[in-house]
Amino acid sequence: MLDLTFQPLSILVLHGPNLNLLGRREPGIYGSLTLAEINRLLEEEGAKLQAKVYPMQSNHEGVLVDAIHEALEKYHGILINAGAYTHTSVALRDAIAAVNLPAVEVHLSNIYRREEFRHHSYIASVAVGQISGFGAQSYLLGLQALLYHLQNL
């Protein structure tokens, strides 16, 4: 287990499938910011809050599972937007449960105002919390919430 007294806190940020297309992909739903811009905002917010943010994106479920496994002994927590895997991946859910690191689930859109199949999250039951519907701000709010949780364990 990592020593939480060490500063800055280290946060793994995982972006799931199709999020590499942000800025071009359905901007009416997901906004106009690119993934690089969101990562920059997260890094800036992390620096303000004395945390180091390590973003990665993959369209491949196994790569995301491997990243969660590798988070042990490396990161204090996980901020995750699993994209469509939110609604389908028991493997991601089980990986988060297995490493037992605090995780916050985020979504750009409000998944509960969208198609019925998006209303269920496999990740929610193993996450500290979930933030959705605020566009890129969901990520920043999620980071703030995760850091607050870690600092108040």
C-alpha atoms as a PDB file:
ATOM      1  CA  MET A   1       0.000   0.000   0.000  1.00  0.00           C
ATOM      2  CA  LEU A   2       1.279   3.471  -0.835  1.00  0.00           C
ATOM      3  CA  ASP A   3       1.988   5.880   1.975  1.00  0.00           C
ATOM      4  CA  LEU A   4      -0.703   8.578   1.731  1.00  0.00           C
ATOM      5  CA  THR A   5       1.448  11.070   3.638  1.00  0.00           C
ATOM      6  CA  PHE A   6       3.764  11.401   0.640  1.00  0.00           C
ATOM      7  CA  GLN A   7       2.983  14.402  -1.528  1.00  0.00           C
ATOM      8  CA  PRO A   8       1.888  14.901  -4.170  1.00  0.00           C
ATOM      9  CA  LEU A   9      -0.845  12.326  -4.424  1.00  0.00           C
ATOM     10  CA  SER A  10      -0.667  10.291  -7.632  1.00  0.00           C
ATOM     11  CA  ILE A  11      -3.855   9.797  -9.629  1.00  0.00           C
ATOM     12  CA  LEU A  12      -4.287   7.491 -12.599  1.00  0.00           C
ATOM     13  CA  VAL A  13      -6.833   8.913 -15.047  1.00  0.00           C
ATOM     14  CA  LEU A  14      -8.286   6.307 -17.384  1.00  0.00           C
ATOM     15  CA  HIS A  15     -10.196   7.245 -20.521  1.00  0.00           C
ATOM     16  CA  GLY A  16     -12.039   4.425 -22.267  1.00  0.00           C
ATOM     17  CA  PRO A  17     -13.060   3.720 -25.850  1.00  0.00           C
ATOM     18  CA  ASN A  18     -13.766   6.480 -28.341  1.00  0.00           C
ATOM     19  CA  LEU A  19     -12.701   9.235 -25.963  1.00  0.00           C
ATOM     20  CA  ASN A  20      -9.677   9.806 -28.205  1.00  0.00           C
ATOM     21  CA  LEU A  21     -12.222  11.313 -30.643  1.00  0.00           C
ATOM     22  CA  LEU A  22     -13.408  14.026 -28.246  1.00  0.00           C
ATOM     23  CA  GLY A  23     -13.777  17.388 -29.953  1.00  0.00           C
ATOM     24  CA  ARG A  24     -14.956  15.682 -33.149  1.00  0.00           C
ATOM     25  CA  ARG A  25     -17.288  13.008 -31.804  1.00  0.00           C
ATOM     26  CA  GLU A  26     -20.874  14.170 -31.270  1.00  0.00           C
ATOM     27  CA  PRO A  27     -19.965  17.574 -29.794  1.00  0.00           C
ATOM     28  CA  GLY A  28     -23.613  18.177 -28.907  1.00  0.00           C
ATOM     29  CA  ILE A  29     -23.324  15.338 -26.386  1.00  0.00           C
ATOM     30  CA  TYR A  30     -19.642  15.292 -25.447  1.00  0.00           C
ATOM     31  CA  GLY A  31     -18.572  18.912 -25.963  1.00  0.00           C
ATOM     32  CA  SER A  32     -15.916  20.490 -28.140  1.00  0.00           C
ATOM     33  CA  LEU A  33     -12.824  19.994 -25.983  1.00  0.00           C
ATOM     34  CA  THR A  34     -10.302  17.420 -27.136  1.00  0.00           C
ATOM     35  CA  LEU A  35      -8.937  14.711 -24.866  1.00  0.00           C
ATOM     36  CA  ALA A  36      -5.581  16.517 -24.817  1.00  0.00           C
ATOM     37  CA  GLU A  37      -7.331  19.678 -23.589  1.00  0.00           C
ATOM     38  CA  ILE A  38      -9.155  17.736 -20.862  1.00  0.00           C
ATOM     39  CA  ASN A  39      -5.883  16.122 -19.784  1.00  0.00           C
ATOM     40  CA  ARG A  40      -4.232  19.552 -19.640  1.00  0.00           C
ATOM     41  CA  LEU A  41      -7.067  20.872 -17.456  1.00  0.00           C
ATOM     42  CA  LEU A  42      -6.720  17.844 -15.167  1.00  0.00           C
ATOM     43  CA  GLU A  43      -2.969  18.317 -14.863  1.00  0.00           C
ATOM     44  CA  GLU A  44      -3.435  22.008 -14.019  1.00  0.00           C
ATOM     45  CA  GLU A  45      -6.142  21.229 -11.444  1.00  0.00           C
ATOM     46  CA  GLY A  46      -4.008  18.479  -9.970  1.00  0.00           C
ATOM     47  CA  ALA A  47      -1.053  20.840  -9.587  1.00  0.00           C
ATOM     48  CA  LYS A  48      -3.277  23.363  -7.759  1.00  0.00           C
ATOM     49  CA  LEU A  49      -4.385  20.578  -5.400  1.00  0.00           C
ATOM     50  CA  GLN A  50      -0.881  19.131  -4.901  1.00  0.00           C
ATOM     51  CA  ALA A  51      -1.560  16.021  -6.964  1.00  0.00           C
ATOM     52  CA  LYS A  52       0.123  14.523  -9.999  1.00  0.00           C
ATOM     53  CA  VAL A  53      -2.227  13.276 -12.714  1.00  0.00           C
ATOM     54  CA  TYR A  54      -1.236  10.448 -15.056  1.00  0.00           C
ATOM     55  CA  PRO A  55      -3.738  10.170 -17.942  1.00  0.00           C
ATOM     56  CA  MET A  56      -4.034   7.296 -20.396  1.00  0.00           C
ATOM     57  CA  GLN A  57      -6.622   6.337 -22.993  1.00  0.00           C
ATOM     58  CA  SER A  58      -7.313   3.039 -24.671  1.00  0.00           C
ATOM     59  CA  ASN A  59      -9.996   1.598 -26.880  1.00  0.00           C
ATOM     60  CA  HIS A  60      -9.057  -1.878 -25.612  1.00  0.00           C
ATOM     61  CA  GLU A  61     -10.628  -3.335 -22.481  1.00  0.00           C
ATOM     62  CA  GLY A  62      -7.617  -5.508 -21.611  1.00  0.00           C
ATOM     63  CA  VAL A  63      -5.239  -2.529 -21.770  1.00  0.00           C
ATOM     64  CA  LEU A  64      -7.463  -0.693 -19.279  1.00  0.00           C
ATOM     65  CA  VAL A  65      -7.606  -3.761 -17.009  1.00  0.00           C
ATOM     66  CA  ASP A  66      -3.797  -4.035 -17.139  1.00  0.00           C
ATOM     67  CA  ALA A  67      -3.444  -0.347 -16.254  1.00  0.00           C
ATOM     68  CA  ILE A  68      -5.707  -0.827 -13.220  1.00  0.00           C
ATOM     69  CA  HIS A  69      -3.641  -3.831 -12.088  1.00  0.00           C
ATOM     70  CA  GLU A  70      -0.429  -1.829 -12.512  1.00  0.00           C
ATOM     71  CA  ALA A  71      -1.897   0.994 -10.406  1.00  0.00           C
ATOM     72  CA  LEU A  72      -1.131  -0.948  -7.227  1.00  0.00           C
ATOM     73  CA  GLU A  73       1.903   0.494  -5.426  1.00  0.00           C
ATOM     74  CA  LYS A  74       2.028   3.261  -8.031  1.00  0.00           C
ATOM     75  CA  TYR A  75      -1.048   5.466  -7.573  1.00  0.00           C
ATOM     76  CA  HIS A  76      -3.214   6.571  -4.693  1.00  0.00           C
ATOM     77  CA  GLY A  77      -6.476   6.543  -6.652  1.00  0.00           C
ATOM     78  CA  ILE A  78      -8.147   6.179 -10.029  1.00  0.00           C
ATOM     79  CA  LEU A  79     -10.340   8.617 -11.941  1.00  0.00           C
ATOM     80  CA  ILE A  80     -12.119   6.683 -14.674  1.00  0.00           C
ATOM     81  CA  ASN A  81     -14.360   7.417 -17.611  1.00  0.00           C
ATOM     82  CA  ALA A  82     -14.766   3.919 -18.983  1.00  0.00           C
ATOM     83  CA  GLY A  83     -16.969   5.143 -21.841  1.00  0.00           C
ATOM     84  CA  ALA A  84     -19.144   2.363 -23.220  1.00  0.00           C
ATOM     85  CA  TYR A  85     -17.302  -0.191 -21.045  1.00  0.00           C
ATOM     86  CA  THR A  86     -19.130   1.377 -18.100  1.00  0.00           C
ATOM     87  CA  HIS A  87     -22.243  -0.474 -19.202  1.00  0.00           C
ATOM     88  CA  THR A  88     -20.672  -3.743 -20.323  1.00  0.00           C
ATOM     89  CA  SER A  89     -17.428  -4.552 -18.533  1.00  0.00           C
ATOM     90  CA  VAL A  90     -17.467  -6.834 -15.540  1.00  0.00           C
ATOM     91  CA  ALA A  91     -13.706  -7.128 -16.113  1.00  0.00           C
ATOM     92  CA  LEU A  92     -13.102  -3.424 -15.390  1.00  0.00           C
ATOM     93  CA  ARG A  93     -15.374  -3.608 -12.355  1.00  0.00           C
ATOM     94  CA  ASP A  94     -13.523  -6.644 -11.027  1.00  0.00           C
ATOM     95  CA  ALA A  95     -10.110  -5.056 -11.652  1.00  0.00           C
ATOM     96  CA  ILE A  96     -11.079  -1.965  -9.645  1.00  0.00           C
ATOM     97  CA  ALA A  97     -12.417  -4.156  -6.844  1.00  0.00           C
ATOM     98  CA  ALA A  98      -9.262  -6.307  -6.906  1.00  0.00           C
ATOM     99  CA  VAL A  99      -6.770  -3.461  -6.504  1.00  0.00           C
ATOM    100  CA  ASN A 100      -8.965  -1.831  -3.855  1.00  0.00           C
ATOM    101  CA  LEU A 101      -7.862   1.703  -4.719  1.00  0.00           C
ATOM    102  CA  PRO A 102     -10.369   4.525  -4.325  1.00  0.00           C
ATOM    103  CA  ALA A 103     -11.932   5.223  -7.719  1.00  0.00           C
ATOM    104  CA  VAL A 104     -14.274   7.923  -8.945  1.00  0.00           C
ATOM    105  CA  GLU A 105     -16.322   7.320 -12.082  1.00  0.00           C
ATOM    106  CA  VAL A 106     -16.950  10.283 -14.384  1.00  0.00           C
ATOM    107  CA  HIS A 107     -18.949  10.880 -17.551  1.00  0.00           C
ATOM    108  CA  LEU A 108     -19.174  13.929 -19.775  1.00  0.00           C
ATOM    109  CA  SER A 109     -22.894  13.422 -20.419  1.00  0.00           C
ATOM    110  CA  ASN A 110     -25.618  12.570 -17.935  1.00  0.00           C
ATOM    111  CA  ILE A 111     -25.869   8.839 -18.583  1.00  0.00           C
ATOM    112  CA  TYR A 112     -29.253   8.727 -16.830  1.00  0.00           C
ATOM    113  CA  ARG A 113     -30.818  11.117 -19.352  1.00  0.00           C
ATOM    114  CA  ARG A 114     -29.674   9.044 -22.297  1.00  0.00           C
ATOM    115  CA  GLU A 115     -30.558   5.659 -23.745  1.00  0.00           C
ATOM    116  CA  GLU A 116     -31.818   3.063 -21.274  1.00  0.00           C
ATOM    117  CA  PHE A 117     -28.787   0.787 -21.730  1.00  0.00           C
ATOM    118  CA  ARG A 118     -26.550   3.595 -20.440  1.00  0.00           C
ATOM    119  CA  HIS A 119     -28.408   3.786 -17.125  1.00  0.00           C
ATOM    120  CA  HIS A 120     -26.528   0.838 -15.620  1.00  0.00           C
ATOM    121  CA  SER A 121     -22.903   1.120 -14.539  1.00  0.00           C
ATOM    122  CA  TYR A 122     -20.868  -1.921 -13.567  1.00  0.00           C
ATOM    123  CA  ILE A 123     -18.273   0.417 -12.085  1.00  0.00           C
ATOM    124  CA  ALA A 124     -20.580   2.357  -9.753  1.00  0.00           C
ATOM    125  CA  SER A 125     -20.741  -0.419  -7.153  1.00  0.00           C
ATOM    126  CA  VAL A 126     -16.946  -0.376  -6.649  1.00  0.00           C
ATOM    127  CA  ALA A 127     -16.412   3.389  -6.980  1.00  0.00           C
ATOM    128  CA  VAL A 128     -16.290   5.939  -4.188  1.00  0.00           C
ATOM    129  CA  GLY A 129     -18.686   8.041  -6.235  1.00  0.00           C
ATOM    130  CA  GLN A 130     -19.878   9.032  -9.681  1.00  0.00           C
ATOM    131  CA  ILE A 131     -20.135  12.418 -11.408  1.00  0.00           C
ATOM    132  CA  SER A 132     -21.859  12.849 -14.759  1.00  0.00           C
ATOM    133  CA  GLY A 133     -23.479  15.434 -16.951  1.00  0.00           C
ATOM    134  CA  PHE A 134     -21.160  18.417 -16.536  1.00  0.00           C
ATOM    135  CA  GLY A 135     -19.027  17.994 -19.630  1.00  0.00           C
ATOM    136  CA  ALA A 136     -15.301  18.380 -19.054  1.00  0.00           C
ATOM    137  CA  GLN A 137     -16.112  19.820 -15.627  1.00  0.00           C
ATOM    138  CA  SER A 138     -17.162  16.286 -14.601  1.00  0.00           C
ATOM    139  CA  TYR A 139     -13.501  15.294 -14.737  1.00  0.00           C
ATOM    140  CA  LEU A 140     -12.381  18.242 -12.617  1.00  0.00           C
ATOM    141  CA  LEU A 141     -15.140  17.660 -10.074  1.00  0.00           C
ATOM    142  CA  GLY A 142     -14.258  13.981 -10.004  1.00  0.00           C
ATOM    143  CA  LEU A 143     -10.592  14.766  -9.394  1.00  0.00           C
ATOM    144  CA  GLN A 144     -11.497  17.173  -6.594  1.00  0.00           C
ATOM    145  CA  ALA A 145     -13.798  14.582  -4.998  1.00  0.00           C
ATOM    146  CA  LEU A 146     -11.196  11.818  -5.251  1.00  0.00           C
ATOM    147  CA  LEU A 147      -8.485  13.991  -3.685  1.00  0.00           C
ATOM    148  CA  TYR A 148     -10.862  15.069  -0.920  1.00  0.00           C
ATOM    149  CA  HIS A 149     -11.661  11.420  -0.221  1.00  0.00           C
ATOM    150  CA  LEU A 150      -7.976  10.439  -0.141  1.00  0.00           C
ATOM    151  CA  GLN A 151      -7.048  13.305   2.156  1.00  0.00           C
ATOM    152  CA  ASN A 152      -9.834  12.418   4.577  1.00  0.00           C
ATOM    153  CA  LEU A 153      -9.323   8.661   4.897  1.00  0.00           C
END
